[in-house]
């Protein structure tokens, strides 16, 4: 009985992780589409970044940072 409950809980956890990964991938693809990145590889993104002007690059960087940064590792400002 315990094994069945643990198996169901394990499958539910895996499903939640897969759903979160799929959502992050979709957000990432939407950002790349917004900035007209044709090739969805690290080299393609780097090539597109090289052609961006400073203003466009800063907007791209800020969007990526707000979408994918985690709150656990932020440093606190000294007061």
Protein backbone atom coordinates (compact mmCIF):
# COMPACT_ATOMS: atom_id res chain seq x y z
CA UNK A 1 0.00 0.00 0.00
CA UNK A 2 2.78 2.44 0.92
CA UNK A 3 4.66 1.68 -2.28
CA UNK A 4 1.61 2.52 -4.38
CA UNK A 5 1.12 5.86 -2.66
CA UNK A 6 4.82 6.71 -3.03
CA UNK A 7 4.72 5.75 -6.70
CA UNK A 8 1.72 7.99 -7.32
CA UNK A 9 3.39 10.87 -5.45
CA UNK A 10 6.56 10.34 -7.47
CA UNK A 11 4.69 10.41 -10.75
CA UNK A 12 2.85 13.57 -9.71
CA UNK A 13 6.16 15.25 -8.84
CA UNK A 14 7.67 14.26 -12.19
CA UNK A 15 4.60 15.59 -14.01
CA UNK A 16 4.85 18.94 -12.20
CA UNK A 17 8.56 19.24 -13.02
CA UNK A 18 7.92 18.40 -16.68
CA UNK A 19 5.09 20.95 -16.87
CA UNK A 20 7.32 23.67 -15.37
CA UNK A 21 10.15 22.84 -17.80
CA UNK A 22 7.74 22.96 -20.73
CA UNK A 23 6.43 26.36 -19.61
CA UNK A 24 9.97 27.79 -19.26
CA UNK A 25 10.86 26.48 -22.72
CA UNK A 26 7.78 28.15 -24.22
CA UNK A 27 8.63 31.47 -22.54
CA UNK A 28 12.20 31.24 -23.84
CA UNK A 29 11.02 30.53 -27.39
CA UNK A 30 8.58 33.44 -27.27
CA UNK A 31 11.37 35.80 -26.21
CA UNK A 32 13.61 34.52 -29.02
CA UNK A 33 10.77 34.98 -31.52
CA UNK A 34 10.17 38.51 -30.22
CA UNK A 35 13.81 39.42 -30.87
CA UNK A 36 13.81 37.69 -34.27
CA UNK A 37 16.27 34.92 -33.43
CA UNK A 38 15.94 32.49 -36.33
CA UNK A 39 18.26 29.72 -35.13
CA UNK A 40 17.32 28.45 -31.65
CA UNK A 41 20.84 27.34 -30.69
CA UNK A 42 23.42 29.06 -28.47
CA UNK A 43 25.34 30.04 -31.62
CA UNK A 44 22.22 31.45 -33.25
CA UNK A 45 21.42 33.52 -30.17
CA UNK A 46 25.02 34.76 -30.00
CA UNK A 47 24.95 35.74 -33.67
CA UNK A 48 21.74 37.70 -33.14
CA UNK A 49 23.14 39.42 -30.04
CA UNK A 50 26.15 40.56 -32.08
CA UNK A 51 23.83 42.36 -34.49
CA UNK A 52 21.80 44.11 -31.76
CA UNK A 53 22.42 47.71 -30.79
CA UNK A 54 23.01 48.57 -27.13
CA UNK A 55 19.41 49.57 -26.42
CA UNK A 56 17.97 46.39 -27.94
CA UNK A 57 20.55 44.21 -26.15
CA UNK A 58 19.78 45.82 -22.78
CA UNK A 59 16.05 45.20 -23.29
CA UNK A 60 16.74 41.56 -24.27
CA UNK A 61 19.01 41.03 -21.28
CA UNK A 62 16.51 42.59 -18.87
CA UNK A 63 13.65 40.47 -20.23
CA UNK A 64 15.71 37.28 -19.84
CA UNK A 65 16.76 38.29 -16.34
CA UNK A 66 13.21 39.03 -15.17
CA UNK A 67 11.83 35.80 -16.64
CA UNK A 68 14.53 33.40 -15.50
CA UNK A 69 16.25 34.79 -12.40
CA UNK A 70 15.50 33.12 -9.11
CA UNK A 71 15.02 34.95 -5.84
CA UNK A 72 17.14 32.60 -3.75
CA UNK A 73 20.57 33.92 -4.69
CA UNK A 74 20.05 37.66 -4.78
CA UNK A 75 22.37 39.74 -2.67
CA UNK A 76 20.90 42.26 -0.30
CA UNK A 77 21.93 45.87 -0.56
CA UNK A 78 24.01 47.14 2.34
CA UNK A 79 22.19 49.80 4.31
